[in-house]
Amino acid sequence: MAAGDDITRTDLFLVDELLTPEERDIRDRVRHFVDAEVLPIINDYWERAEFPFALVPGLGELRIAGGALAGDGCPGMSSLAEGLVAAELARADGGLRVFFVGHGLAMMSIGLLGSAEQRSRWLPKLASMETLGAFAMTEPAHGSDVSSLETRARRDGEAYVLEGAKRWIGNGTFADVVVVWARDDEGEVGGFVVETPAEGYAATAMRGKTACRVAAHAEISLTGVRVPAENRLSEATSWRAITPLMLKARQDVCWEALGHAVAAYEAAAAHAVNRHQFGRPLADFQLVQAKLARMLADLTSMQLMCWRLTRLEEEGRATLAQASAAKLHTAAAARQIVLDARDILGGDGLLIDRHVARHHADIEALYTYEGTQDIQKLILGRSITGRSAFTR
């Protein structure tokens, strides 16, 4: 980056050169949609804590739902392109990204763990976003401790009967296809596709959130919900089978962190140039330059870590320890970048029309979901020492 370049530029190490033309095209199409369709309206939805359904048709037309899944109407893009999509949507709004990732995890569950018949039955309309999906794993008593899953699926003839509760389920109040994770009579973990409306399925919108306000998080109760046996995902029989799905989710959240960081850095850098105090731009002051330098360095490390983790995943070599290290670093770095951006904007940083305030709130959700920072440390610590802090 030469002197005089646009200081809002974020590609210090020329990562763009590592992308294929197709990956750049996908990123740029989503970026244009975000700038033209999302950013002009998202603040009002965020303030009202209301999901922007008006954006769904446009998202569907982008043909990005399903990401790296191929066939059955899915786009079959590279995993890196999928990460770039995650970053661009998070650059727009954390709640919008929660919507898209909930839909995507439902698709990924079916695509990776379903039979050919199950994939052909559900994926085409999910890919076009004619129908919407949700991923129901988290429970009221179990967030990071997913292995303590309490929801039960009892076999009853040609159906399973679901009993239990889920919490923090994105899209849970309006999804047409909900992948519910439960234990069967033998204690094995399974994914069960609930098509709504379904008797015994009740979803209540969660209110009072200070983060991801446009996301439709739900508390779900499952009381005698009958699911046809053919709706059980055929390959989801153990935690080991689900590991690639969890790896993908943790990888994507790193890209989300990058999107928040980019949005905050660009806003702060532009404000530093345009805002004058004491007769000169804020950008002239050493303390502001020091903040911007640290922000850009951290942002660049996030870009490189996301890029490398995703390429390893494409090669089938990514590990949970690597994903945890990436989530640990990117979440913390993004949180600090957003905090510094809010600081540089001063009082304006508290106004949602400057966008940073939304990211300042939403980054707290990202800092927690897909495993808290302490959980990531313990996963990485287990890899380092060979000793698990999760079990006695």
Protein backbone atom coordinates (compact mmCIF):
# COMPACT_ATOMS: atom_id res chain seq x y z
CA MET A 1 0.00 0.00 0.00
CA ALA A 2 1.81 3.07 -1.23
CA ALA A 3 1.61 6.50 0.40
CA GLY A 4 -1.51 8.31 -0.74
CA ASP A 5 -3.51 5.13 -1.39
CA ASP A 6 -7.08 4.95 -0.11
CA ILE A 7 -6.52 4.22 3.58
CA THR A 8 -9.75 2.25 3.76
CA ARG A 9 -8.15 -0.50 1.67
CA THR A 10 -7.89 -3.73 3.60
CA ASP A 11 -5.86 -5.98 1.28
CA LEU A 12 -2.42 -5.14 2.61
CA PHE A 13 -0.86 -8.51 1.69
CA LEU A 14 -2.60 -8.75 -1.70
CA VAL A 15 -4.73 -11.74 -0.74
CA ASP A 16 -7.00 -10.92 -3.66
CA GLU A 17 -4.28 -12.30 -5.95
CA LEU A 18 -4.72 -15.71 -4.29
CA LEU A 19 -8.34 -15.94 -5.44
CA THR A 20 -9.56 -17.47 -8.67
CA PRO A 21 -11.55 -15.30 -11.12
CA GLU A 22 -14.69 -17.26 -10.20
CA GLU A 23 -14.13 -16.62 -6.48
CA ARG A 24 -13.69 -12.89 -7.12
CA ASP A 25 -16.84 -12.83 -9.23
CA ILE A 26 -18.92 -14.49 -6.49
CA ARG A 27 -17.53 -12.14 -3.85
CA ASP A 28 -18.15 -9.07 -6.00
CA ARG A 29 -21.75 -10.08 -6.78
CA VAL A 30 -22.51 -10.49 -3.08
CA ARG A 31 -20.65 -7.26 -2.27
CA HIS A 32 -22.75 -5.35 -4.79
CA PHE A 33 -25.94 -6.83 -3.32
CA VAL A 34 -24.84 -5.82 0.18
CA ASP A 35 -23.97 -2.26 -0.85
CA ALA A 36 -27.01 -1.70 -3.05
CA GLU A 37 -29.75 -3.64 -1.24
CA VAL A 38 -28.78 -4.36 2.36
CA LEU A 39 -26.87 -1.40 3.80
CA PRO A 40 -29.47 1.23 2.79
CA ILE A 41 -32.22 -0.50 4.83
CA ILE A 42 -30.62 -2.72 7.48
CA ASN A 43 -30.33 -0.11 10.25
CA ASP A 44 -34.10 0.35 10.44
CA TYR A 45 -34.67 -3.40 10.68
CA TRP A 46 -31.94 -3.69 13.33
CA GLU A 47 -33.48 -0.94 15.45
CA ARG A 48 -36.90 -2.62 15.22
CA ALA A 49 -35.41 -6.08 15.81
CA GLU A 50 -37.26 -7.29 12.73
CA PHE A 51 -36.08 -9.75 10.09
CA PRO A 52 -35.86 -8.21 6.57
CA PHE A 53 -37.86 -10.75 4.57
CA ALA A 54 -37.75 -8.35 1.62
CA LEU A 55 -34.09 -9.31 1.08
CA VAL A 56 -34.70 -13.06 0.74
CA PRO A 57 -35.71 -13.09 -2.97
CA GLY A 58 -32.55 -11.17 -3.88
CA LEU A 59 -30.40 -13.54 -1.87
CA GLY A 60 -32.04 -16.44 -3.65
CA GLU A 61 -31.32 -14.91 -7.05
CA LEU A 62 -27.61 -14.76 -6.21
CA ARG A 63 -27.59 -18.61 -6.23
CA ILE A 64 -25.19 -18.81 -3.29
CA ALA A 65 -27.27 -20.90 -0.86
CA GLY A 66 -25.61 -24.26 -0.30
CA GLY A 67 -22.13 -22.93 -0.89
CA ALA A 68 -19.73 -25.76 -1.72
CA LEU A 69 -22.49 -28.36 -2.08
CA ALA A 70 -22.80 -29.51 -5.69
CA GLY A 71 -25.77 -31.05 -7.49
CA ASP A 72 -29.48 -30.90 -6.64
CA GLY A 73 -29.55 -27.22 -7.58
CA CYS A 74 -26.66 -26.24 -5.28
CA PRO A 75 -23.98 -23.86 -6.59
CA GLY A 76 -20.93 -26.08 -6.02
CA MET A 77 -18.64 -23.12 -5.40
CA SER A 78 -15.23 -23.52 -3.78
CA SER A 79 -15.03 -23.50 0.01
CA LEU A 80 -13.03 -20.28 -0.26
CA ALA A 81 -15.83 -18.63 -2.24
CA GLU A 82 -18.22 -19.82 0.45
CA GLY A 83 -16.03 -18.10 3.04
CA LEU A 84 -15.97 -14.89 1.02
CA VAL A 85 -19.78 -14.94 0.93
CA ALA A 86 -19.83 -15.30 4.73
CA ALA A 87 -17.50 -12.33 5.11
CA GLU A 88 -19.53 -10.11 2.78
CA LEU A 89 -22.83 -10.90 4.50
CA ALA A 90 -21.28 -10.25 7.93
CA ARG A 91 -19.88 -6.97 6.58
CA ALA A 92 -23.53 -6.11 6.00
CA ASP A 93 -25.00 -7.32 9.28
CA GLY A 94 -24.43 -10.07 11.82
CA GLY A 95 -28.11 -10.97 12.05
CA LEU A 96 -28.45 -11.34 8.29
CA ARG A 97 -25.47 -13.67 8.37
CA VAL A 98 -27.10 -15.68 11.19
CA PHE A 99 -30.14 -16.14 8.94
CA PHE A 100 -28.00 -17.34 6.06
CA VAL A 101 -25.83 -19.65 8.14
CA GLY A 102 -28.87 -21.28 9.78
CA HIS A 103 -30.31 -21.93 6.34
CA GLY A 104 -26.92 -23.12 5.11
CA LEU A 105 -26.31 -25.52 7.99
CA ALA A 106 -29.67 -27.16 7.31
CA MET A 107 -28.59 -27.59 3.69
CA MET A 108 -25.12 -28.79 4.71
CA SER A 109 -26.62 -31.37 7.08
CA ILE A 110 -28.79 -32.77 4.29
CA GLY A 111 -26.06 -32.49 1.67
CA LEU A 112 -23.30 -34.16 3.70
CA LEU A 113 -25.32 -36.59 5.79
CA GLY A 114 -28.44 -37.32 3.75
CA SER A 115 -29.12 -40.01 1.19
CA ALA A 116 -29.41 -39.28 -2.53
CA GLU A 117 -33.19 -39.37 -2.17
CA GLN A 118 -33.13 -36.98 0.76
CA ARG A 119 -30.84 -34.57 -1.07
CA SER A 120 -33.05 -34.54 -4.16
CA ARG A 121 -36.16 -34.11 -2.02
CA TRP A 122 -35.10 -31.02 -0.08
CA LEU A 123 -32.03 -29.34 -1.55
CA PRO A 124 -33.36 -27.83 -4.82
CA LYS A 125 -35.93 -25.59 -3.14
CA LEU A 126 -33.56 -24.77 -0.29
CA ALA A 127 -30.90 -23.79 -2.85
CA SER A 128 -33.30 -21.41 -4.61
CA MET A 129 -34.53 -20.24 -1.18
CA GLU A 130 -38.12 -20.98 -2.15
CA THR A 131 -38.13 -22.85 1.16
CA LEU A 132 -36.07 -21.85 4.19
CA GLY A 133 -34.10 -23.99 6.60
CA ALA A 134 -32.99 -24.04 10.23
CA PHE A 135 -30.41 -26.03 12.18
CA ALA A 136 -31.59 -27.05 15.65
CA MET A 137 -28.72 -28.29 17.79
CA THR A 138 -28.34 -25.93 20.78
CA GLU A 139 -30.50 -26.66 23.84
CA PRO A 140 -31.49 -24.54 26.86
CA ALA A 141 -29.01 -26.36 29.11
CA HIS A 142 -26.34 -27.14 26.52
CA GLY A 143 -24.50 -24.60 24.38
CA SER A 144 -20.83 -25.44 23.97
CA ASP A 145 -21.46 -28.82 25.63
CA VAL A 146 -23.27 -30.24 22.60
CA SER A 147 -22.34 -33.82 23.48
CA SER A 148 -24.83 -33.66 26.38
CA LEU A 149 -27.71 -33.54 23.90
CA GLU A 150 -30.98 -34.29 25.74
CA THR A 151 -33.60 -34.16 22.98
CA ARG A 152 -34.89 -37.69 22.32
CA ALA A 153 -36.18 -39.46 19.23
CA ARG A 154 -38.25 -42.53 20.11
CA ARG A 155 -39.01 -45.01 17.35
CA ASP A 156 -42.72 -45.68 16.91
CA GLY A 157 -43.48 -47.87 13.91
CA GLU A 158 -42.62 -46.03 10.70
CA ALA A 159 -41.92 -42.76 12.53
CA TYR A 160 -39.81 -41.18 15.23
CA VAL A 161 -41.37 -39.15 18.02
CA LEU A 162 -39.32 -36.14 19.11
CA GLU A 163 -39.38 -34.82 22.67
CA GLY A 164 -37.22 -31.98 23.94
CA ALA A 165 -36.34 -28.32 23.60
CA LYS A 166 -33.97 -26.17 21.55
CA ARG A 167 -32.76 -22.61 22.06
CA TRP A 168 -31.02 -19.91 20.03
CA ILE A 169 -32.21 -21.49 16.78
CA GLY A 170 -31.87 -19.05 13.90
CA ASN A 171 -34.92 -19.03 11.58
CA GLY A 172 -36.74 -21.32 13.99
CA THR A 173 -39.96 -19.29 13.88
CA PHE A 174 -40.42 -19.40 10.11
CA ALA A 175 -38.24 -22.16 8.62
CA ASP A 176 -40.00 -24.69 6.41
CA VAL A 177 -37.35 -27.38 7.00
CA VAL A 178 -35.79 -27.75 10.47
CA VAL A 179 -32.98 -30.24 11.04
CA VAL A 180 -33.41 -31.32 14.67
CA TRP A 181 -30.58 -33.18 16.40
CA ALA A 182 -31.59 -35.79 18.94
CA ARG A 183 -30.61 -39.13 20.50
CA ASP A 184 -32.47 -42.27 19.52
CA ASP A 185 -33.44 -45.28 21.68
CA GLU A 186 -29.86 -46.62 21.48
CA GLY A 187 -28.35 -43.27 22.46
CA GLU A 188 -27.03 -42.63 18.95
CA VAL A 189 -27.10 -39.07 17.62
CA GLY A 190 -29.30 -38.41 14.60
CA GLY A 191 -30.52 -35.57 12.42
CA PHE A 192 -34.29 -35.52 11.92
CA VAL A 193 -35.87 -33.28 9.28
CA VAL A 194 -39.04 -31.67 10.61
CA GLU A 195 -41.22 -30.10 7.96
CA THR A 196 -43.29 -27.30 9.43
CA PRO A 197 -45.96 -26.70 10.43
CA ALA A 198 -45.91 -29.89 12.47
CA GLU A 199 -48.10 -30.89 15.39
CA GLY A 200 -46.17 -30.54 18.64
CA TYR A 201 -43.58 -28.16 17.14
CA ALA A 202 -43.81 -24.74 18.79
CA ALA A 203 -41.32 -21.90 18.20
CA THR A 204 -41.28 -18.66 20.16
CA ALA A 205 -39.23 -15.66 19.07
CA MET A 206 -36.53 -14.60 21.54
CA ARG A 207 -36.82 -10.96 22.54
CA GLY A 208 -34.59 -8.49 24.34
CA LYS A 209 -31.42 -9.32 22.38
CA THR A 210 -28.66 -6.72 22.21
CA ALA A 211 -26.87 -8.51 19.34
CA CYS A 212 -27.92 -9.92 15.95
CA ARG A 213 -31.22 -8.15 16.38
CA VAL A 214 -32.53 -8.82 12.87
CA ALA A 215 -31.96 -12.57 13.28
CA ALA A 216 -35.08 -14.57 14.15
CA HIS A 217 -33.72 -16.67 17.02
CA ALA A 218 -36.23 -19.04 18.54
CA GLU A 219 -36.90 -21.17 21.57
CA ILE A 220 -38.40 -24.41 20.30
CA SER A 221 -40.40 -27.02 22.18
CA LEU A 222 -40.84 -30.49 20.69
CA THR A 223 -43.80 -32.33 22.21
CA GLY A 224 -44.66 -35.60 20.53
CA VAL A 225 -43.51 -34.39 17.10
CA ARG A 226 -43.89 -37.30 14.68
CA VAL A 227 -41.23 -37.47 11.97
CA PRO A 228 -41.40 -40.14 9.24
CA ALA A 229 -38.51 -42.58 9.49
CA GLU A 230 -37.40 -41.59 5.99
CA ASN A 231 -36.77 -38.07 7.35
CA ARG A 232 -33.87 -39.27 9.48
CA LEU A 233 -30.59 -38.32 7.79
CA SER A 234 -29.08 -41.62 6.74
CA GLU A 235 -25.41 -40.86 7.46
CA ALA A 236 -25.82 -38.98 10.75
CA THR A 237 -25.22 -41.83 13.19
CA SER A 238 -22.53 -40.50 15.56
CA TRP A 239 -20.60 -37.42 16.61
CA ARG A 240 -17.74 -38.54 14.38
CA ALA A 241 -20.05 -38.39 11.36
CA ILE A 242 -21.01 -34.83 12.30
CA THR A 243 -17.40 -33.62 12.73
CA PRO A 244 -17.03 -32.32 9.13
CA LEU A 245 -20.21 -30.31 9.62
CA MET A 246 -18.93 -28.74 12.85
CA LEU A 247 -15.55 -28.05 11.23
CA LYS A 248 -17.28 -26.25 8.37
CA ALA A 249 -19.40 -24.17 10.76
CA ARG A 250 -16.36 -23.10 12.78
CA GLN A 251 -14.47 -22.26 9.61
CA ASP A 252 -17.32 -20.08 8.36
CA VAL A 253 -17.53 -18.17 11.64
CA CYS A 254 -13.90 -17.10 11.14
CA TRP A 255 -14.90 -15.53 7.83
CA GLU A 256 -17.83 -13.86 9.59
CA ALA A 257 -15.41 -12.31 12.07
CA LEU A 258 -13.39 -11.00 9.13
CA GLY A 259 -16.49 -9.38 7.63
CA HIS A 260 -17.26 -7.51 10.85
CA ALA A 261 -13.63 -6.39 11.10
CA VAL A 262 -13.53 -5.11 7.51
CA ALA A 263 -16.73 -3.10 7.98
CA ALA A 264 -15.46 -1.53 11.20
CA TYR A 265 -11.98 -0.76 9.88
CA GLU A 266 -13.28 0.85 6.68
CA ALA A 267 -15.68 3.04 8.66
CA ALA A 268 -12.99 4.08 11.12
CA ALA A 269 -10.40 4.86 8.44
CA ALA A 270 -12.86 6.96 6.44
CA HIS A 271 -13.95 8.82 9.58
CA ALA A 272 -10.33 9.52 10.51
CA VAL A 273 -9.78 11.31 7.21
CA ASN A 274 -13.05 13.23 7.13
CA ARG A 275 -13.45 14.24 10.77
CA HIS A 276 -11.56 17.37 11.83
CA GLN A 277 -10.64 18.20 15.42
CA PHE A 278 -8.27 20.89 16.65
CA GLY A 279 -7.96 22.23 13.13
CA ARG A 280 -6.80 19.01 11.46
CA PRO A 281 -8.08 15.57 10.40
CA LEU A 282 -8.09 12.85 13.04
CA ALA A 283 -5.84 10.86 10.69
CA ASP A 284 -3.02 13.33 11.42
CA PHE A 285 -2.80 12.30 15.08
CA GLN A 286 -0.30 9.66 16.14
CA LEU A 287 -2.70 7.87 18.49
CA VAL A 288 -5.25 7.44 15.71
CA GLN A 289 -2.60 6.21 13.28
CA ALA A 290 -1.39 3.72 15.90
CA LYS A 291 -4.90 2.32 16.25
CA LEU A 292 -5.40 2.05 12.49
CA ALA A 293 -2.02 0.34 12.07
CA ARG A 294 -2.83 -2.28 14.71
CA MET A 295 -6.31 -2.80 13.27
CA LEU A 296 -4.99 -3.37 9.74
CA ALA A 297 -2.24 -5.72 10.93
CA ASP A 298 -4.75 -7.82 12.87
CA LEU A 299 -7.21 -7.76 9.99
CA THR A 300 -4.49 -8.99 7.63
CA SER A 301 -3.61 -11.86 9.95
CA MET A 302 -7.29 -12.81 9.97
CA GLN A 303 -7.41 -12.82 6.16
CA LEU A 304 -4.38 -15.10 5.90
CA MET A 305 -5.61 -17.47 8.61
CA CYS A 306 -9.06 -17.74 6.97
CA TRP A 307 -7.50 -18.31 3.56
CA ARG A 308 -5.13 -21.04 4.76
CA LEU A 309 -7.69 -22.86 6.94
CA THR A 310 -10.13 -22.95 4.04
CA ARG A 311 -7.58 -24.23 1.55
CA LEU A 312 -6.67 -26.99 4.02
CA GLU A 313 -10.37 -27.85 4.34
CA GLU A 314 -10.65 -28.09 0.55
CA GLU A 315 -7.73 -30.52 0.58
CA GLY A 316 -9.33 -32.58 3.35
CA ARG A 317 -6.50 -31.74 5.77
CA ALA A 318 -8.12 -29.24 8.14
CA THR A 319 -8.44 -30.29 11.79
CA LEU A 320 -10.67 -29.20 14.65
CA ALA A 321 -7.58 -27.87 16.44
CA GLN A 322 -6.77 -25.64 13.46
CA ALA A 323 -10.37 -24.45 13.27
CA SER A 324 -10.39 -23.71 17.00
CA ALA A 325 -7.14 -21.76 16.74
CA ALA A 326 -8.61 -19.75 13.88
CA LYS A 327 -11.86 -19.04 15.72
CA LEU A 328 -9.93 -18.10 18.87
CA HIS A 329 -7.80 -15.59 16.99
CA THR A 330 -10.32 -14.13 14.54
CA ALA A 331 -13.06 -13.60 17.12
CA ALA A 332 -10.70 -11.81 19.50
CA ALA A 333 -9.09 -9.74 16.75
CA ALA A 334 -12.44 -8.73 15.26
CA ARG A 335 -13.77 -7.77 18.67
CA GLN A 336 -10.80 -5.47 19.27
CA ILE A 337 -10.97 -3.95 15.78
CA VAL A 338 -14.65 -3.14 16.21
CA LEU A 339 -13.97 -1.69 19.67
CA ASP A 340 -11.17 0.52 18.29
CA ALA A 341 -13.41 1.64 15.42
CA ARG A 342 -16.13 2.66 17.86
CA ASP A 343 -13.49 4.58 19.80
CA ILE A 344 -12.18 6.41 16.71
CA LEU A 345 -15.71 7.45 15.73
CA GLY A 346 -16.27 8.93 19.19
CA GLY A 347 -19.91 9.84 19.81
CA ASP A 348 -20.79 8.99 16.20
CA GLY A 349 -19.77 5.42 16.96
CA LEU A 350 -22.92 5.09 19.06
CA LEU A 351 -25.22 5.94 16.15
CA ILE A 352 -26.50 3.06 14.06
CA ASP A 353 -26.53 5.15 10.89
CA ARG A 354 -22.74 4.97 10.99
CA HIS A 355 -23.02 1.14 11.07
CA VAL A 356 -20.18 0.54 13.55
CA ALA A 357 -22.62 0.44 16.48
CA ARG A 358 -24.36 -2.61 14.96
CA HIS A 359 -21.09 -4.43 14.50
CA HIS A 360 -20.03 -3.40 18.01
CA ALA A 361 -23.13 -5.14 19.36
CA ASP A 362 -23.16 -8.09 16.96
CA ILE A 363 -19.52 -9.07 17.49
CA GLU A 364 -20.43 -10.11 21.05
CA ALA A 365 -22.66 -12.83 19.65
CA LEU A 366 -19.95 -14.10 17.32
CA TYR A 367 -17.46 -14.06 20.21
CA THR A 368 -19.72 -16.62 21.93
CA TYR A 369 -21.31 -18.89 19.31
CA GLU A 370 -19.68 -21.89 17.61
CA GLY A 371 -17.85 -22.42 20.89
CA THR A 372 -16.81 -19.72 23.36
CA GLN A 373 -13.22 -18.52 23.50
CA ASP A 374 -12.53 -20.69 26.55
CA ILE A 375 -13.84 -23.77 24.74
CA GLN A 376 -11.58 -23.04 21.75
CA LYS A 377 -8.62 -22.77 24.13
CA LEU A 378 -9.45 -26.14 25.65
CA ILE A 379 -9.78 -27.82 22.24
CA LEU A 380 -6.45 -26.37 21.18
CA GLY A 381 -4.96 -27.24 24.57
CA ARG A 382 -6.05 -30.85 24.15
CA SER A 383 -4.27 -30.95 20.80
CA ILE A 384 -1.10 -29.47 22.32
CA THR A 385 -0.93 -31.62 25.45
CA GLY A 386 -2.83 -34.76 24.53
CA ARG A 387 -4.92 -34.24 27.67
CA SER A 388 -8.61 -33.39 27.69
CA ALA A 389 -9.95 -30.82 30.13
CA PHE A 390 -13.49 -31.84 29.18
CA THR A 391 -13.44 -35.23 30.91
CA ARG A 392 -12.31 -36.38 34.32
